[in-house]
Amino acid sequence: MNNNIKINRQGHHQPSRSIKMSRDFFMVKIVLIAFFLFFISLPLFSSGPSAVWSEGTVTGTPEMINSVYFIQIDGTLYRIMPDTPIYYRHEIASGIYNEDLVSIYAIMKHQKILIKAWQQDIYQIILL
């Protein structure tokens, strides 16, 4: 008779304590791995930060600090994220607009600007 299996009074096989513990430990490992995979996959399903469009006036020209550009809009300092597209919007016909990609140096003080920002980070700029 196998040492790992015991027979109870009703004649049914009952696994020994070591088999029960290893089976319980295996189930705990499975549950932990499932939770780990679930939390790792969460960023895949989120759409990232909920950026909001807002309009303002540039009150300070863009300046670089530690290789990161900052700009002041309506008195609030914003960080321009790397690879942020900057567009200049102009009307080509009544109600029809065209947007041209421009550099950061096209931003002038007292200019109307439309930004897509989340907290203090700018993700897109449209010069009006």
N, C-alpha and C. Protein backbone atom coordinates (compact mmCIF):
# COMPACT_ATOMS: atom_id res chain seq x y z
N MET A 1 0.85 -1.18 0.00
CA MET A 1 0.00 0.00 0.00
C MET A 1 0.89 1.23 0.00
N ASN A 2 0.46 2.23 -0.74
CA ASN A 2 1.21 3.46 -0.86
C ASN A 2 1.17 4.22 0.46
N ASN A 3 2.29 4.78 0.88
CA ASN A 3 2.35 5.51 2.14
C ASN A 3 1.63 6.85 2.07
N ASN A 4 1.43 7.39 0.87
CA ASN A 4 0.80 8.71 0.75
C ASN A 4 -0.72 8.65 0.81
N ILE A 5 -1.32 7.48 0.71
CA ILE A 5 -2.77 7.37 0.70
C ILE A 5 -3.20 6.55 1.91
N LYS A 6 -4.17 7.11 2.64
CA LYS A 6 -4.74 6.41 3.79
C LYS A 6 -6.18 6.06 3.47
N ILE A 7 -6.67 5.03 4.10
CA ILE A 7 -8.06 4.63 3.90
C ILE A 7 -8.81 4.95 5.18
N ASN A 8 -9.89 5.75 5.05
CA ASN A 8 -10.66 6.09 6.25
C ASN A 8 -11.63 4.96 6.59
N ARG A 9 -12.43 5.13 7.61
CA ARG A 9 -13.29 4.06 8.11
C ARG A 9 -14.33 3.61 7.09
N GLN A 10 -14.76 4.53 6.21
CA GLN A 10 -15.77 4.16 5.22
C GLN A 10 -15.15 3.46 4.02
N GLY A 11 -13.84 3.32 3.98
CA GLY A 11 -13.18 2.64 2.88
C GLY A 11 -12.76 3.55 1.74
N HIS A 12 -12.94 4.88 1.92
CA HIS A 12 -12.55 5.82 0.87
C HIS A 12 -11.09 6.21 1.05
N HIS A 13 -10.44 6.42 -0.07
CA HIS A 13 -9.06 6.87 -0.01
C HIS A 13 -9.01 8.32 0.43
N GLN A 14 -8.09 8.62 1.30
CA GLN A 14 -7.94 9.98 1.80
C GLN A 14 -6.47 10.36 1.67
N PRO A 15 -6.16 11.46 0.97
CA PRO A 15 -4.75 11.83 0.81
C PRO A 15 -4.12 12.18 2.15
N SER A 16 -2.84 11.90 2.24
CA SER A 16 -2.13 12.22 3.47
C SER A 16 -1.98 13.73 3.60
N ARG A 17 -1.52 14.17 4.76
CA ARG A 17 -1.37 15.59 5.06
C ARG A 17 -0.36 16.24 4.12
N SER A 18 0.72 15.55 3.75
CA SER A 18 1.74 16.16 2.89
C SER A 18 1.18 16.43 1.49
N ILE A 19 0.33 15.54 0.98
CA ILE A 19 -0.27 15.77 -0.33
C ILE A 19 -1.26 16.93 -0.26
N LYS A 20 -2.04 17.00 0.83
CA LYS A 20 -2.97 18.12 1.00
C LYS A 20 -2.23 19.44 1.06
N MET A 21 -1.13 19.49 1.79
CA MET A 21 -0.37 20.73 1.92
C MET A 21 0.24 21.13 0.59
N SER A 22 0.76 20.16 -0.16
CA SER A 22 1.35 20.51 -1.45
C SER A 22 0.27 20.96 -2.43
N ARG A 23 -0.93 20.35 -2.35
CA ARG A 23 -2.03 20.78 -3.21
C ARG A 23 -2.50 22.18 -2.82
N ASP A 24 -2.60 22.46 -1.53
CA ASP A 24 -2.98 23.80 -1.08
C ASP A 24 -1.93 24.83 -1.48
N PHE A 25 -0.67 24.48 -1.35
CA PHE A 25 0.41 25.39 -1.74
C PHE A 25 0.35 25.66 -3.24
N PHE A 26 0.05 24.63 -4.01
CA PHE A 26 -0.08 24.79 -5.47
C PHE A 26 -1.23 25.75 -5.79
N MET A 27 -2.37 25.62 -5.11
CA MET A 27 -3.51 26.51 -5.34
C MET A 27 -3.17 27.95 -4.96
N VAL A 28 -2.44 28.14 -3.88
CA VAL A 28 -2.02 29.48 -3.47
C VAL A 28 -1.12 30.09 -4.54
N LYS A 29 -0.21 29.29 -5.09
CA LYS A 29 0.67 29.79 -6.15
C LYS A 29 -0.14 30.18 -7.38
N ILE A 30 -1.13 29.38 -7.75
CA ILE A 30 -1.97 29.68 -8.91
C ILE A 30 -2.72 31.00 -8.69
N VAL A 31 -3.29 31.18 -7.50
CA VAL A 31 -4.04 32.40 -7.21
C VAL A 31 -3.11 33.62 -7.23
N LEU A 32 -1.93 33.50 -6.65
CA LEU A 32 -0.98 34.62 -6.66
C LEU A 32 -0.54 34.96 -8.08
N ILE A 33 -0.29 33.97 -8.89
CA ILE A 33 0.10 34.23 -10.28
C ILE A 33 -1.05 34.90 -11.04
N ALA A 34 -2.29 34.47 -10.78
CA ALA A 34 -3.44 35.07 -11.45
C ALA A 34 -3.58 36.54 -11.07
N PHE A 35 -3.45 36.86 -9.78
CA PHE A 35 -3.51 38.26 -9.35
C PHE A 35 -2.38 39.07 -9.96
N PHE A 36 -1.19 38.51 -9.99
CA PHE A 36 -0.03 39.21 -10.57
C PHE A 36 -0.28 39.53 -12.05
N LEU A 37 -0.75 38.54 -12.80
CA LEU A 37 -1.02 38.76 -14.22
C LEU A 37 -2.14 39.77 -14.43
N PHE A 38 -3.14 39.75 -13.56
CA PHE A 38 -4.24 40.71 -13.67
C PHE A 38 -3.74 42.14 -13.47
N PHE A 39 -2.95 42.37 -12.42
CA PHE A 39 -2.48 43.72 -12.14
C PHE A 39 -1.44 44.19 -13.15
N ILE A 40 -0.68 43.27 -13.71
CA ILE A 40 0.27 43.64 -14.76
C ILE A 40 -0.47 44.07 -16.02
N SER A 41 -1.59 43.42 -16.31
CA SER A 41 -2.32 43.71 -17.55
C SER A 41 -3.20 44.95 -17.44
N LEU A 42 -3.41 45.51 -16.27
CA LEU A 42 -4.27 46.69 -16.13
C LEU A 42 -3.84 47.86 -17.00
N PRO A 43 -2.55 48.22 -17.06
CA PRO A 43 -2.17 49.35 -17.92
C PRO A 43 -2.48 49.11 -19.40
N LEU A 44 -2.59 47.87 -19.83
CA LEU A 44 -2.90 47.60 -21.23
C LEU A 44 -4.31 48.03 -21.58
N PHE A 45 -5.22 47.99 -20.59
CA PHE A 45 -6.61 48.30 -20.86
C PHE A 45 -6.96 49.75 -20.55
N SER A 46 -6.10 50.48 -19.87
CA SER A 46 -6.40 51.87 -19.58
C SER A 46 -5.97 52.74 -20.76
N SER A 47 -6.66 53.83 -20.95
CA SER A 47 -6.36 54.71 -22.08
C SER A 47 -5.35 55.78 -21.69
N GLY A 48 -4.72 55.66 -20.56
CA GLY A 48 -3.74 56.66 -20.15
C GLY A 48 -4.42 57.81 -19.43
N PRO A 49 -3.68 58.87 -19.23
CA PRO A 49 -4.26 60.00 -18.51
C PRO A 49 -5.39 60.64 -19.31
N SER A 50 -6.37 61.13 -18.59
CA SER A 50 -7.50 61.80 -19.23
C SER A 50 -7.15 63.26 -19.46
N ALA A 51 -6.53 63.53 -20.58
CA ALA A 51 -6.11 64.89 -20.89
C ALA A 51 -7.33 65.73 -21.26
N VAL A 52 -7.26 67.02 -20.94
CA VAL A 52 -8.36 67.94 -21.15
C VAL A 52 -7.88 69.08 -22.04
N TRP A 53 -8.71 69.49 -22.99
CA TRP A 53 -8.39 70.64 -23.83
C TRP A 53 -8.77 71.91 -23.10
N SER A 54 -7.88 72.89 -23.11
CA SER A 54 -8.19 74.20 -22.53
C SER A 54 -7.51 75.29 -23.34
N GLU A 55 -8.13 76.46 -23.33
CA GLU A 55 -7.63 77.59 -24.09
C GLU A 55 -7.05 78.61 -23.13
N GLY A 56 -5.99 79.27 -23.55
CA GLY A 56 -5.37 80.28 -22.72
C GLY A 56 -4.49 81.20 -23.53
N THR A 57 -3.79 82.08 -22.80
CA THR A 57 -2.87 83.03 -23.41
C THR A 57 -1.48 82.77 -22.86
N VAL A 58 -0.50 82.76 -23.74
CA VAL A 58 0.88 82.53 -23.33
C VAL A 58 1.36 83.76 -22.57
N THR A 59 1.79 83.57 -21.32
CA THR A 59 2.29 84.69 -20.52
C THR A 59 3.80 84.63 -20.34
N GLY A 60 4.43 83.57 -20.79
CA GLY A 60 5.89 83.45 -20.74
C GLY A 60 6.37 82.56 -21.86
N THR A 61 7.41 82.97 -22.54
CA THR A 61 7.91 82.19 -23.68
C THR A 61 8.48 80.86 -23.19
N PRO A 62 8.51 79.86 -24.06
CA PRO A 62 9.05 78.55 -23.66
C PRO A 62 10.52 78.65 -23.25
N GLU A 63 10.87 77.98 -22.19
CA GLU A 63 12.27 77.94 -21.77
C GLU A 63 12.64 76.52 -21.39
N MET A 64 13.91 76.18 -21.64
CA MET A 64 14.39 74.83 -21.36
C MET A 64 15.09 74.80 -20.01
N ILE A 65 14.69 73.87 -19.18
CA ILE A 65 15.33 73.65 -17.88
C ILE A 65 15.63 72.16 -17.79
N ASN A 66 16.91 71.82 -17.68
CA ASN A 66 17.34 70.41 -17.61
C ASN A 66 16.79 69.59 -18.78
N SER A 67 16.93 70.11 -19.96
CA SER A 67 16.52 69.48 -21.23
C SER A 67 15.02 69.21 -21.33
N VAL A 68 14.22 69.92 -20.54
CA VAL A 68 12.76 69.83 -20.61
C VAL A 68 12.22 71.25 -20.81
N TYR A 69 11.31 71.40 -21.77
CA TYR A 69 10.71 72.71 -22.02
C TYR A 69 9.55 72.97 -21.08
N PHE A 70 9.48 74.22 -20.60
CA PHE A 70 8.38 74.69 -19.77
C PHE A 70 7.79 75.93 -20.41
N ILE A 71 6.49 76.13 -20.22
CA ILE A 71 5.83 77.31 -20.76
C ILE A 71 4.81 77.79 -19.74
N GLN A 72 4.65 79.10 -19.68
CA GLN A 72 3.69 79.69 -18.74
C GLN A 72 2.46 80.14 -19.52
N ILE A 73 1.31 79.61 -19.13
CA ILE A 73 0.04 79.93 -19.79
C ILE A 73 -0.93 80.42 -18.72
N ASP A 74 -1.40 81.64 -18.89
CA ASP A 74 -2.31 82.28 -17.92
C ASP A 74 -1.75 82.21 -16.50
N GLY A 75 -0.45 82.37 -16.36
CA GLY A 75 0.19 82.40 -15.05
C GLY A 75 0.53 81.04 -14.48
N THR A 76 0.17 79.96 -15.15
CA THR A 76 0.46 78.60 -14.68
C THR A 76 1.60 78.01 -15.49
N LEU A 77 2.57 77.43 -14.80
CA LEU A 77 3.72 76.84 -15.48
C LEU A 77 3.39 75.40 -15.87
N TYR A 78 3.56 75.08 -17.14
CA TYR A 78 3.30 73.75 -17.68
C TYR A 78 4.59 73.15 -18.22
N ARG A 79 4.69 71.83 -18.14
CA ARG A 79 5.82 71.11 -18.73
C ARG A 79 5.37 70.56 -20.08
N ILE A 80 6.17 70.85 -21.11
CA ILE A 80 5.88 70.33 -22.44
C ILE A 80 6.53 68.96 -22.55
N MET A 81 5.72 67.94 -22.71
CA MET A 81 6.23 66.57 -22.77
C MET A 81 7.05 66.36 -24.03
N PRO A 82 8.01 65.42 -24.00
CA PRO A 82 8.81 65.14 -25.20
C PRO A 82 7.91 64.69 -26.36
N ASP A 83 8.30 65.06 -27.55
CA ASP A 83 7.57 64.71 -28.78
C ASP A 83 6.14 65.24 -28.79
N THR A 84 5.91 66.37 -28.12
CA THR A 84 4.59 67.00 -28.15
C THR A 84 4.40 67.69 -29.49
N PRO A 85 3.35 67.34 -30.23
CA PRO A 85 3.12 68.03 -31.51
C PRO A 85 2.61 69.45 -31.28
N ILE A 86 3.15 70.39 -32.04
CA ILE A 86 2.75 71.79 -31.96
C ILE A 86 2.24 72.19 -33.35
N TYR A 87 0.98 72.60 -33.40
CA TYR A 87 0.36 72.95 -34.67
C TYR A 87 0.00 74.43 -34.69
N TYR A 88 0.07 75.03 -35.86
CA TYR A 88 -0.43 76.39 -36.07
C TYR A 88 -1.71 76.27 -36.89
N ARG A 89 -2.83 76.73 -36.34
CA ARG A 89 -4.13 76.60 -37.00
C ARG A 89 -4.46 77.92 -37.71
N HIS A 90 -4.79 77.81 -38.97
CA HIS A 90 -5.22 79.01 -39.71
C HIS A 90 -6.42 78.65 -40.58
N GLU A 91 -7.27 79.64 -40.78
CA GLU A 91 -8.51 79.43 -41.53
C GLU A 91 -8.23 79.62 -43.02
N ILE A 92 -8.55 78.60 -43.82
CA ILE A 92 -8.31 78.71 -45.26
C ILE A 92 -9.59 79.08 -46.01
N ALA A 93 -10.73 78.85 -45.39
CA ALA A 93 -12.03 79.26 -45.94
C ALA A 93 -12.97 79.40 -44.74
N SER A 94 -14.14 79.90 -44.98
CA SER A 94 -15.08 80.12 -43.90
C SER A 94 -15.40 78.79 -43.19
N GLY A 95 -14.94 78.65 -41.96
CA GLY A 95 -15.18 77.45 -41.18
C GLY A 95 -14.27 76.28 -41.49
N ILE A 96 -13.32 76.46 -42.40
CA ILE A 96 -12.39 75.38 -42.75
C ILE A 96 -11.00 75.79 -42.28
N TYR A 97 -10.42 74.93 -41.43
CA TYR A 97 -9.12 75.25 -40.85
C TYR A 97 -8.06 74.26 -41.33
N ASN A 98 -6.84 74.74 -41.34
CA ASN A 98 -5.70 73.90 -41.67
C ASN A 98 -4.71 74.00 -40.51
N GLU A 99 -4.07 72.90 -40.18
CA GLU A 99 -3.09 72.90 -39.10
C GLU A 99 -1.74 72.48 -39.65
N ASP A 100 -0.73 73.33 -39.45
CA ASP A 100 0.63 73.05 -39.89
C ASP A 100 1.50 72.74 -38.68
N LEU A 101 2.33 71.73 -38.81
CA LEU A 101 3.26 71.38 -37.74
C LEU A 101 4.37 72.41 -37.68
N VAL A 102 4.60 73.00 -36.49
CA VAL A 102 5.64 74.03 -36.32
C VAL A 102 6.54 73.64 -35.16
N SER A 103 7.62 74.38 -34.98
CA SER A 103 8.55 74.10 -33.88
C SER A 103 8.12 74.86 -32.63
N ILE A 104 8.77 74.57 -31.55
CA ILE A 104 8.44 75.21 -30.28
C ILE A 104 8.77 76.71 -30.29
N TYR A 105 9.66 77.09 -31.19
CA TYR A 105 10.07 78.50 -31.26
C TYR A 105 9.01 79.37 -31.93
N ALA A 106 7.95 78.77 -32.46
CA ALA A 106 6.85 79.54 -33.05
C ALA A 106 5.91 80.10 -31.99
N ILE A 107 6.05 79.65 -30.75
CA ILE A 107 5.18 80.12 -29.67
C ILE A 107 5.67 81.49 -29.21
N MET A 108 4.79 82.48 -29.27
CA MET A 108 5.11 83.86 -28.89
C MET A 108 4.32 84.26 -27.64
N LYS A 109 4.85 85.22 -26.93
CA LYS A 109 4.17 85.75 -25.76
C LYS A 109 2.90 86.47 -26.19
N HIS A 110 1.85 86.42 -25.38
CA HIS A 110 0.52 87.03 -25.60
C HIS A 110 -0.25 86.36 -26.73
N GLN A 111 0.15 85.17 -27.12
CA GLN A 111 -0.52 84.44 -28.20
C GLN A 111 -1.61 83.55 -27.60
N LYS A 112 -2.74 83.46 -28.30
CA LYS A 112 -3.80 82.54 -27.89
C LYS A 112 -3.35 81.13 -28.23
N ILE A 113 -3.63 80.20 -27.32
CA ILE A 113 -3.13 78.84 -27.47
C ILE A 113 -4.18 77.87 -26.96
N LEU A 114 -4.23 76.72 -27.58
CA LEU A 114 -5.12 75.64 -27.16
C LEU A 114 -4.22 74.47 -26.78
N ILE A 115 -4.35 73.98 -25.54
CA ILE A 115 -3.47 72.90 -25.09
C ILE A 115 -4.29 71.70 -24.65
N LYS A 116 -3.72 70.54 -24.87
CA LYS A 116 -4.27 69.29 -24.35
C LYS A 116 -3.35 68.90 -23.20
N ALA A 117 -3.85 69.04 -21.98
CA ALA A 117 -2.98 68.84 -20.81
C ALA A 117 -3.65 67.95 -19.78
N TRP A 118 -2.81 67.28 -19.03
CA TRP A 118 -3.24 66.50 -17.88
C TRP A 118 -2.37 66.95 -16.72
N GLN A 119 -2.99 67.50 -15.69
CA GLN A 119 -2.31 68.14 -14.57
C GLN A 119 -1.42 69.25 -15.13
N GLN A 120 -0.11 69.16 -14.97
CA GLN A 120 0.79 70.22 -15.44
C GLN A 120 1.57 69.78 -16.67
N ASP A 121 1.18 68.70 -17.31
CA ASP A 121 1.90 68.18 -18.48
C ASP A 121 1.09 68.43 -19.74
N ILE A 122 1.76 69.00 -20.76
CA ILE A 122 1.11 69.29 -22.04
C ILE A 122 1.43 68.18 -23.02
N TYR A 123 0.38 67.66 -23.69
CA TYR A 123 0.55 66.58 -24.65
C TYR A 123 0.32 67.03 -26.10
N GLN A 124 -0.34 68.17 -26.30
CA GLN A 124 -0.55 68.69 -27.64
C GLN A 124 -0.80 70.18 -27.54
N ILE A 125 -0.28 70.94 -28.52
CA ILE A 125 -0.42 72.40 -28.54
C ILE A 125 -0.94 72.81 -29.91
N ILE A 126 -1.94 73.69 -29.90
CA ILE A 126 -2.43 74.30 -31.14
C ILE A 126 -2.37 75.81 -30.96
N LEU A 127 -1.61 76.47 -31.81
CA LEU A 127 -1.50 77.92 -31.78
C LEU A 127 -2.66 78.51 -32.57
N LEU A 128 -3.38 79.43 -31.96
CA LEU A 128 -4.56 80.02 -32.61
C LEU A 128 -4.23 81.36 -33.23
